[in-house]
Structure formats: structure tokens, C-alpha cells
């Protein structure tokens, strides 16, 4: 059954429709040109991708080709209507009917290749599908929106990944420059470089593979950026070590001298305490200075023979830390052992203070109290001094004086 016969448009309807179509034609043309100038579209057109990105590229190219084909047919149909309207002479019924067919009827015939597969038959060559101007605009709108979504999504992914990739390549250059200043090779930097080359090829070849769900996954890139930053710091530290190596070694040597002095003092204090204090003394710590001196000598031998400055930087860092720890431990040992003498001196001071209090209370002639004092004094002034027994004797003397003091107050 054919389409229902449409009454011809009036002259005013024709002119209003043509004015609308001219404006629509300009806007569609501008939108298509802007699409092709879009950065994401340019990236896609200039790339030779693979995988999912290649599939998207193929779909976008197919849609854009269909868009331009439809737009060209649309422009021709509008131009034909303008030509009919511009003919000289009276705008009679026949011309109005022709304009009505062009403006509102199926005036656009698509090439047979544009007919969707599901509309084709096996044994005949399909004729072109016919569309009205309005249907052509609706189809162009759908194609354009699908293309913009695909290009926009790809542009967001690609821009994010390429931006991060540029940062990492800058970090790689900085690390490479640090290595060049230092000289030699660095296996870790080579490993990071190979990893970056592989990821960069994937970013440029199939960025959508790194964007599950449309969200860029930058975890591998972030890991590489951190690795290059660490490598640069390590190489720069090695260069600083090379330039200031002699002073660093002298610094370690000075620390070792202080360790030896502290360990010698610990021995002296321990000997003194052992002679003056009876009872257990904290065990002596093994002296660290000989082993540290050996490590420093080995490091110095390696430096004279050349070699890897990055490894040497790590070793001297470790040696500096170990020397500082040994100095702290030796000084702590001195303080711990010396604390026993300080404890004895504290007990002596407390005994003298209570003797003064006892004299003030008139206890100088009291045999019991005086006996307790003499016992505590003998323990505290005898070498070696038994601190435990002296503490007990002093406590007994303190309680006796305190009891008499309380009785006097009462």
C-alpha cells in the first residue's frame, strides 16, 4: 500500500522549511568538522592501534563515513529544493507539489551499501533505502552521538594515560641523566626502562586494554614512576658519595674513634664498679669497633679499585648507621654500669642526712640507733659494697629514726 497523498505545502510553509533546513545544514556541517578536529579523533586517526582500540577505531571510521555520506545526500536534497524554489515564474501547484515531495517526502536515496544487512535478501541486489530529510537528520544524530561517546571515552582514557606516561618518561630521563653523571651501568634502571617500553607500547597501541570499565588503570605506570624516582635518588646519592667520599670516610673514622673511646671507658667503669660493688653487674656487650673498622677498611679498598658507586653508597650508609648505633650502645653501657656507683653514692647521702636528723633528735648516744647506723655505714663504705644488704641496713636505720621522731612529736 502506498504512502497517503500529502497536500502541497503553502508558499509560506515552503519558505519557513527551507530557512530551517539551511540553518540545520550549517549546524550539522560545523558539528562534523568540529568532530574531525577533536583531539581524541585526531589521536585515533593518526594511530595504528590493535585490540579493543582498533575495533573502536574501525567503528568510528565507519560511522563517520556514513555521517558524511548522509550529510552529502542531505545537502543535495536541500540544494535541489532551493533550486526548484528559485526558478523564475509563478510558484504554482506543480512546483509546490514538487517542493513538498522534496522537503517532506523520501527524497534521499541511500547507496545500496548503506542498506543494513538485516534488510537485504539473498537473491537480489538491494536497491537503496529512501529517507525523508527528517529521517536522515535523525539517523545522522544517532550516528553522531554514538561517535562522540566513543571518541570522548577514548580521549579521556588516552589523555589520562598519555599524561601519566609523559611524567614517567620525564622521570626516566632524570634517572638516566643521573646515571650518565655517575658513569657505569645500572641493572635496575635497565629493568625499569624495559618495563616502561612495554607499557608505553600498550598505551599507544591499545589504551582501552588499560581502562577496564572505561576508567584508566594507572597502577603499573605509578609503580614505574616510583621506581624511576627511587633510582634517580639512589644514583644522585651515589654521585654525591663519589664527590664527597673522602669526607664521608673521615666522618665514619671519627665516629669509630668515639666508639673505641666509649668502649674503653665502659671497660674502665666496669672494672671500677666490679672492684667497688658486690653482686651482679650487667654483662659486658661485645665490642663493635673492630668489626666496624674491618668494614671501613674493606670499603676503602673497594673504592680504590673502582666499581659500583651505588652499591658503595648503600654500604657506607649502612656503616654510618652501624657506627652511630655502636656509639650509642657503648655510651648506654657506661651509664648503666656507672649507675651502680651512683646508687651507692645516693645511699651514702641518705645515710648522712638521717645521721644529722638523729643527732637533732638526741639519738647520738642511743646504742640501738647508733648500731644500725654503724652497720649501714660499714656496708656502704666497704669495697666491694653489697648494695642489696646496704639498702636493707639503711632502711632499718631510717625506720628507727622515723619512729623516734614520731614519738618526739607525739
Protein backbone atom coordinates (compact mmCIF):
# COMPACT_ATOMS: atom_id res chain seq x y z
CA UNK A 1 0.00 0.00 0.00
CA UNK A 2 1.49 3.37 -1.00
CA UNK A 3 2.02 6.35 1.22
CA UNK A 4 -1.02 8.64 1.67
CA UNK A 5 -1.13 11.62 -0.69
CA UNK A 6 0.01 14.78 1.10
CA UNK A 7 -1.46 18.14 0.27
CA UNK A 8 1.09 20.52 -1.17
CA UNK A 9 2.73 22.99 1.23
CA UNK A 10 1.86 26.61 1.01
CA UNK A 11 4.40 29.15 -0.14
CA UNK A 12 4.99 30.31 3.46
CA UNK A 13 5.44 26.72 4.67
CA UNK A 14 7.99 26.08 1.93
CA UNK A 15 9.98 29.19 2.79
CA UNK A 16 9.92 28.51 6.55
CA UNK A 17 11.01 24.90 5.98
CA UNK A 18 13.85 25.93 3.66
CA UNK A 19 15.08 28.52 6.16
CA UNK A 20 15.09 25.88 8.90
CA UNK A 21 16.91 23.38 6.66
CA UNK A 22 19.60 25.92 5.70
CA UNK A 23 20.29 26.61 9.38
CA UNK A 24 20.25 22.89 10.13
CA UNK A 25 22.64 22.21 7.25
CA UNK A 26 25.15 24.77 8.57
CA UNK A 27 25.00 23.42 12.12
CA UNK A 28 25.40 19.79 11.02
CA UNK A 29 28.36 20.68 8.80
CA UNK A 30 30.04 22.63 11.61
CA UNK A 31 29.50 19.77 14.05
CA UNK A 32 31.06 17.25 11.68
CA UNK A 33 34.09 19.48 11.10
CA UNK A 34 34.49 20.01 14.86
CA UNK A 35 34.30 16.26 15.37
CA UNK A 36 37.13 15.66 12.92
CA UNK A 37 39.19 18.43 14.56
CA UNK A 38 38.68 16.93 18.02
CA UNK A 39 41.93 15.87 19.72
CA UNK A 40 40.61 12.41 20.51
CA UNK A 41 39.52 11.89 16.90
CA UNK A 42 42.88 13.12 15.63
CA UNK A 43 44.68 10.75 18.01
CA UNK A 44 42.55 7.88 16.78
CA UNK A 45 43.01 8.73 13.11
CA UNK A 46 46.77 9.07 13.44
CA UNK A 47 47.22 5.82 15.36
CA UNK A 48 47.72 2.24 14.26
CA UNK A 49 46.11 0.56 17.27
CA UNK A 50 45.35 -3.05 17.97
CA UNK A 51 42.97 -4.97 20.17
CA UNK A 52 39.89 -3.22 21.54
CA UNK A 53 41.13 0.21 20.46
CA UNK A 54 41.40 -0.97 16.85
CA UNK A 55 37.83 -2.21 16.97
CA UNK A 56 36.68 1.20 18.26
CA UNK A 57 38.72 2.93 15.55
CA UNK A 58 37.05 0.79 12.88
CA UNK A 59 33.58 1.50 14.27
CA UNK A 60 34.26 5.25 14.47
CA UNK A 61 35.58 5.41 10.91
CA UNK A 62 32.55 3.51 9.63
CA UNK A 63 30.14 5.82 11.45
CA UNK A 64 31.93 8.98 10.31
CA UNK A 65 31.93 7.73 6.70
CA UNK A 66 28.18 7.09 6.96
CA UNK A 67 27.70 10.53 8.50
CA UNK A 68 29.42 12.28 5.61
CA UNK A 69 27.55 10.16 3.07
CA UNK A 70 24.20 11.03 4.66
CA UNK A 71 25.15 14.68 5.01
CA UNK A 72 26.19 14.90 1.35
CA UNK A 73 22.86 13.40 0.24
CA UNK A 74 21.04 15.68 2.66
CA UNK A 75 22.82 18.76 1.24
CA UNK A 76 21.99 17.69 -2.32
CA UNK A 77 18.32 17.27 -1.48
CA UNK A 78 18.17 20.67 0.20
CA UNK A 79 20.07 22.25 -2.70
CA UNK A 80 17.61 20.68 -5.19
CA UNK A 81 14.70 22.13 -3.24
CA UNK A 82 16.38 25.54 -3.20
CA UNK A 83 16.90 25.33 -6.96
CA UNK A 84 13.23 24.48 -7.56
CA UNK A 85 12.16 27.33 -5.29
CA UNK A 86 14.47 29.79 -7.04
CA UNK A 87 13.17 29.13 -10.56
CA UNK A 88 11.63 32.20 -12.14
CA UNK A 89 7.95 32.44 -12.70
CA UNK A 90 4.84 31.84 -10.70
CA UNK A 91 5.03 29.34 -7.78
CA UNK A 92 2.11 27.25 -8.90
CA UNK A 93 0.55 23.99 -7.78
CA UNK A 94 3.05 21.77 -9.64
CA UNK A 95 6.12 23.45 -8.14
CA UNK A 96 4.57 23.43 -4.67
CA UNK A 97 3.86 19.72 -5.05
CA UNK A 98 7.47 19.09 -6.16
CA UNK A 99 8.80 21.14 -3.23
CA UNK A 100 6.53 19.26 -0.85
CA UNK A 101 7.93 15.94 -2.14
CA UNK A 102 11.50 17.15 -1.75
CA UNK A 103 11.05 18.72 1.69
CA UNK A 104 8.79 16.21 3.43
CA UNK A 105 8.85 13.08 1.28
CA UNK A 106 11.51 10.33 0.91
CA UNK A 107 13.76 12.49 -1.25
CA UNK A 108 17.07 10.89 -0.16
CA UNK A 109 18.10 7.57 -1.64
CA UNK A 110 20.96 5.81 0.19
CA UNK A 111 23.56 3.80 -1.76
CA UNK A 112 22.89 0.08 -1.68
CA UNK A 113 25.98 -0.41 0.50
CA UNK A 114 24.35 1.68 3.23
CA UNK A 115 21.34 -0.68 3.49
CA UNK A 116 21.62 -2.61 6.79
CA UNK A 117 22.37 -6.34 6.42
CA UNK A 118 19.10 -7.41 8.04
CA UNK A 119 17.17 -5.64 5.24
CA UNK A 120 18.96 -7.48 2.41
CA UNK A 121 17.75 -10.61 0.60
CA UNK A 122 19.81 -13.50 -0.76
CA UNK A 123 18.98 -13.40 -4.49
CA UNK A 124 18.56 -9.76 -5.36
CA UNK A 125 20.75 -6.71 -5.32
CA UNK A 126 19.15 -4.37 -2.85
CA UNK A 127 18.02 -1.01 -4.04
CA UNK A 128 18.95 1.98 -1.97
CA UNK A 129 16.86 2.82 1.08
CA UNK A 130 14.86 6.04 0.80
CA UNK A 131 14.67 8.56 3.65
CA UNK A 132 12.99 11.84 4.30
CA UNK A 133 15.12 14.81 5.30
CA UNK A 134 13.84 14.49 8.85
CA UNK A 135 14.66 10.75 8.96
CA UNK A 136 18.15 11.48 7.58
CA UNK A 137 18.74 14.04 10.34
CA UNK A 138 17.53 11.57 12.97
CA UNK A 139 19.90 8.90 11.63
CA UNK A 140 22.80 11.38 11.48
CA UNK A 141 22.04 12.44 15.06
CA UNK A 142 22.19 8.84 16.31
CA UNK A 143 25.42 8.15 14.42
CA UNK A 144 26.97 11.41 15.68
CA UNK A 145 26.06 10.74 19.32
CA UNK A 146 27.46 7.19 19.15
CA UNK A 147 30.66 8.51 17.59
CA UNK A 148 31.04 11.33 20.12
CA UNK A 149 30.58 8.90 23.00
CA UNK A 150 33.19 6.53 21.60
CA UNK A 151 35.69 9.29 20.76
CA UNK A 152 35.09 11.12 24.05
CA UNK A 153 35.57 7.98 26.11
CA UNK A 154 38.74 7.10 24.23
CA UNK A 155 40.06 10.66 24.52
CA UNK A 156 39.58 10.64 28.32
CA UNK A 157 41.40 7.32 28.64
CA UNK A 158 44.16 8.19 26.21
CA UNK A 159 44.73 11.68 27.61
CA UNK A 160 44.98 10.38 31.17
CA UNK A 161 47.38 7.60 30.21
CA UNK A 162 49.50 9.73 27.87
CA UNK A 163 49.76 12.47 30.51
CA UNK A 164 50.93 9.96 33.11
CA UNK A 165 53.24 8.38 30.54
CA UNK A 166 54.85 11.78 29.85
CA UNK A 167 55.52 12.22 33.58
CA UNK A 168 57.15 8.80 33.79
CA UNK A 169 59.28 9.40 30.71
CA UNK A 170 60.47 12.65 32.32
CA UNK A 171 61.33 10.67 35.47
CA UNK A 172 63.19 8.16 33.30
CA UNK A 173 65.20 10.95 31.63
CA UNK A 174 66.11 12.39 35.04
CA UNK A 175 67.29 8.98 36.25
CA UNK A 176 69.22 8.39 33.02
CA UNK A 177 70.92 11.78 33.37
CA UNK A 178 71.87 10.91 36.95
CA UNK A 179 73.40 7.65 35.71
CA UNK A 180 75.28 9.47 32.93
CA UNK A 181 76.73 11.88 35.50
CA UNK A 182 77.78 8.94 37.67
CA UNK A 183 79.04 6.70 34.88
CA UNK A 184 78.72 2.96 34.53
CA UNK A 185 75.58 0.87 34.22
CA UNK A 186 72.59 0.21 36.44
CA UNK A 187 70.65 -3.09 36.01
CA UNK A 188 67.66 -1.79 37.98
CA UNK A 189 67.33 1.22 35.70
CA UNK A 190 67.54 -1.10 32.68
CA UNK A 191 64.77 -3.26 34.13
CA UNK A 192 62.56 -0.22 34.73
CA UNK A 193 63.26 1.03 31.20
CA UNK A 194 62.20 -2.27 29.65
CA UNK A 195 59.01 -2.21 31.72
CA UNK A 196 58.26 1.35 30.61
CA UNK A 197 58.81 0.50 26.95
CA UNK A 198 56.32 -2.36 27.22
CA UNK A 199 53.66 -0.24 28.96
CA UNK A 200 54.23 2.70 26.59
CA UNK A 201 53.64 0.42 23.60
CA UNK A 202 50.37 -0.72 25.16
CA UNK A 203 49.30 2.85 25.99
CA UNK A 204 49.92 3.97 22.42
CA UNK A 205 48.68 0.79 20.76
CA UNK A 206 45.66 -0.27 22.81
CA UNK A 207 44.88 2.21 25.62
CA UNK A 208 41.44 0.70 26.16
CA UNK A 209 43.13 -2.50 27.36
CA UNK A 210 44.34 -0.41 30.32
CA UNK A 211 40.91 1.01 31.05
CA UNK A 212 38.56 -1.67 32.38
CA UNK A 213 35.08 -0.24 32.63
CA UNK A 214 36.25 2.93 30.88
CA UNK A 215 38.41 4.03 33.86
CA UNK A 216 42.18 4.28 33.22
CA UNK A 217 44.18 1.87 35.37
CA UNK A 218 47.46 3.70 36.08
CA UNK A 219 48.78 1.30 38.74
CA UNK A 220 51.59 -0.06 36.52
CA UNK A 221 52.53 3.45 35.42
CA UNK A 222 52.51 4.69 39.02
CA UNK A 223 54.77 1.82 40.08
CA UNK A 224 57.23 2.66 37.31
CA UNK A 225 57.19 6.35 38.20
CA UNK A 226 58.05 5.49 41.80
CA UNK A 227 60.79 3.14 40.63
CA UNK A 228 62.41 5.79 38.42
CA UNK A 229 62.20 8.38 41.21
CA UNK A 230 63.87 5.94 43.62
CA UNK A 231 66.55 5.12 41.04
CA UNK A 232 67.25 8.81 40.45
CA UNK A 233 67.60 9.49 44.19
CA UNK A 234 69.85 6.45 44.58
CA UNK A 235 72.07 7.46 41.65
CA UNK A 236 72.27 11.08 42.79
CA UNK A 237 73.19 9.88 46.28
CA UNK A 238 75.90 7.73 44.74
CA UNK A 239 77.23 10.74 42.80
CA UNK A 240 77.26 12.80 45.98
CA UNK A 241 79.10 9.97 47.71
CA UNK A 242 81.69 9.86 44.94
CA UNK A 243 82.22 13.60 45.15
CA UNK A 244 82.36 13.67 48.95
CA UNK A 245 83.63 10.18 49.57
CA UNK A 246 86.82 11.17 51.39
CA UNK A 247 84.90 13.33 53.89
CA UNK A 248 82.29 10.61 54.47
CA UNK A 249 85.04 8.11 55.22
CA UNK A 250 86.71 10.58 57.59
CA UNK A 251 83.38 11.06 59.31
CA UNK A 252 82.95 7.33 59.83
CA UNK A 253 86.52 7.11 61.10
CA UNK A 254 85.86 9.89 63.64
CA UNK A 255 82.75 8.07 64.83
CA UNK A 256 84.77 4.86 65.19
CA UNK A 257 87.31 6.72 67.32
CA UNK A 258 84.48 7.83 69.60
CA UNK A 259 83.17 4.25 69.71
CA UNK A 260 86.59 2.99 70.77
CA UNK A 261 86.81 5.69 73.47
CA UNK A 262 83.33 4.85 74.74
CA UNK A 263 84.10 1.12 74.78
CA UNK A 264 87.38 1.76 76.62
CA UNK A 265 85.54 3.92 79.16
CA UNK A 266 82.96 1.16 79.57
CA UNK A 267 85.77 -1.27 80.39
CA UNK A 268 87.31 1.14 82.92
CA UNK A 269 83.98 1.85 84.59
CA UNK A 270 83.14 -1.85 84.69
CA UNK A 271 86.50 -2.64 86.30
CA UNK A 272 85.96 0.13 88.84
CA UNK A 273 82.41 -0.98 89.63
CA UNK A 274 83.42 -4.62 89.91
CA UNK A 275 86.03 -3.61 92.49
CA UNK A 276 83.64 -1.40 94.47
CA UNK A 277 80.25 -3.08 94.14
CA UNK A 278 79.44 -6.64 95.16
CA UNK A 279 76.74 -8.51 93.33
CA UNK A 280 75.73 -8.94 89.69
CA UNK A 281 76.91 -6.35 87.17
CA UNK A 282 75.17 -6.12 83.76
CA UNK A 283 77.05 -8.33 81.26
CA UNK A 284 79.58 -6.62 79.03
CA UNK A 285 78.48 -6.07 75.43
CA UNK A 286 80.77 -7.38 72.70
CA UNK A 287 82.85 -4.51 71.38
CA UNK A 288 81.76 -3.43 67.91
CA UNK A 289 84.69 -1.23 66.91
CA UNK A 290 86.97 -3.98 65.50
CA UNK A 291 84.30 -5.30 63.10
CA UNK A 292 83.32 -1.77 62.07
CA UNK A 293 86.95 -0.92 61.39
CA UNK A 294 87.21 -4.00 59.16
CA UNK A 295 84.13 -2.92 57.20
CA UNK A 296 85.56 0.57 56.71
CA UNK A 297 88.88 -0.84 55.52
CA UNK A 298 87.12 -3.15 53.03
CA UNK A 299 85.04 -0.24 51.72
CA UNK A 300 88.14 1.86 51.25
CA UNK A 301 89.90 -0.94 49.36
CA UNK A 302 86.93 -1.29 47.01
CA UNK A 303 86.86 2.48 46.39
CA UNK A 304 90.49 2.46 45.28
CA UNK A 305 89.75 -0.32 42.78
CA UNK A 306 86.77 1.49 41.20
CA UNK A 307 83.47 -0.39 40.97
CA UNK A 308 79.83 0.36 41.63
CA UNK A 309 79.26 3.66 43.43
CA UNK A 310 75.56 2.93 44.00
CA UNK A 311 76.43 -0.21 45.97
CA UNK A 312 79.18 1.69 47.77
CA UNK A 313 76.64 4.38 48.72
CA UNK A 314 74.42 1.74 50.30
CA UNK A 315 77.35 0.21 52.17
CA UNK A 316 78.62 3.48 53.60
CA UNK A 317 75.06 4.43 54.63
CA UNK A 318 74.80 1.12 56.48
CA UNK A 319 78.25 1.61 58.02
CA UNK A 320 77.41 5.12 59.23
CA UNK A 321 74.21 3.84 60.81
CA UNK A 322 76.02 0.89 62.43
CA UNK A 323 78.77 3.18 63.81
CA UNK A 324 76.18 5.57 65.29
CA UNK A 325 74.33 2.65 66.87
CA UNK A 326 77.57 1.21 68.31
CA UNK A 327 78.46 4.60 69.83
CA UNK A 328 75.02 4.91 71.40
CA UNK A 329 75.21 1.35 72.77
CA UNK A 330 78.70 1.88 74.25
CA UNK A 331 77.65 5.12 75.94
CA UNK A 332 74.48 3.47 77.27
CA UNK A 333 76.63 0.64 78.70
CA UNK A 334 78.79 3.20 80.52
CA UNK A 335 75.72 4.87 82.00
CA UNK A 336 74.17 1.56 83.09
CA UNK A 337 77.32 0.37 84.90
CA UNK A 338 78.06 3.81 86.30
CA UNK A 339 74.55 3.86 87.69
CA UNK A 340 75.58 1.25 90.28
CA UNK A 341 78.18 3.64 91.71
CA UNK A 342 75.65 6.44 91.60
CA UNK A 343 73.23 4.24 93.52
CA UNK A 344 75.88 3.62 96.21
CA UNK A 345 76.63 7.35 96.46
CA UNK A 346 72.91 8.09 96.73
CA UNK A 347 72.60 5.64 99.63
CA UNK A 348 75.60 7.26 101.33
CA UNK A 349 73.99 10.66 101.02
CA UNK A 350 70.70 9.45 102.51
CA UNK A 351 72.59 7.82 105.42
CA UNK A 352 74.38 11.12 106.20
CA UNK A 353 71.09 13.01 106.05
CA UNK A 354 69.44 10.66 108.55
CA UNK A 355 72.51 10.81 110.84
CA UNK A 356 72.05 14.60 111.04
CA UNK A 357 68.35 14.10 111.82
CA UNK A 358 69.23 11.53 114.51
CA UNK A 359 71.65 13.97 116.15
CA UNK A 360 68.94 16.64 116.17
CA UNK A 361 66.65 14.20 117.95
CA UNK A 362 69.34 13.43 120.56
CA UNK A 363 69.97 9.92 119.34
CA UNK A 364 73.76 10.22 119.14
CA UNK A 365 74.13 8.30 122.41
CA UNK A 366 71.36 5.77 121.69
CA UNK A 367 73.12 2.46 121.32
CA UNK A 368 70.43 0.73 119.23
CA UNK A 369 70.12 3.54 116.74
CA UNK A 370 73.85 4.11 116.62
CA UNK A 371 74.38 0.39 115.99
CA UNK A 372 72.05 0.48 112.99
CA UNK A 373 73.94 3.50 111.64
CA UNK A 374 77.32 1.84 112.03
CA UNK A 375 76.09 -1.31 110.29
CA UNK A 376 74.80 0.65 107.28
CA UNK A 377 77.91 2.81 107.16
CA UNK A 378 80.21 -0.19 107.24
CA UNK A 379 78.36 -1.77 104.32
CA UNK A 380 78.36 1.42 102.24
CA UNK A 381 81.99 2.27 102.85
CA UNK A 382 83.32 -1.24 102.31
CA UNK A 383 84.67 -2.31 98.93
CA UNK A 384 83.17 -4.14 97.28
CA UNK A 385 79.85 -2.79 98.54
CA UNK A 386 76.88 -5.13 98.72
CA UNK A 387 74.15 -2.75 97.55
CA UNK A 388 71.31 -5.09 98.46
CA UNK A 389 72.44 -5.54 102.10
CA UNK A 390 73.36 -1.85 102.38
CA UNK A 391 69.88 -0.87 101.16
CA UNK A 392 68.26 -3.13 103.80
CA UNK A 393 70.51 -1.75 106.59
CA UNK A 394 69.78 1.84 105.58
CA UNK A 395 66.04 1.13 105.57
CA UNK A 396 66.25 -0.25 109.13
CA UNK A 397 68.13 2.84 110.31
CA UNK A 398 65.61 5.14 108.59
CA UNK A 399 62.67 3.38 110.27
CA UNK A 400 64.35 3.65 113.69
CA UNK A 401 64.97 7.38 113.30
CA UNK A 402 61.48 7.93 111.93
CA UNK A 403 59.93 6.07 114.89
CA UNK A 404 61.82 8.21 117.43
CA UNK A 405 60.87 11.33 115.51
CA UNK A 406 57.20 10.33 115.65
CA UNK A 407 57.45 9.62 119.38
CA UNK A 408 59.06 13.01 119.99
CA UNK A 409 56.29 14.75 118.05
CA UNK A 410 53.66 12.85 120.00
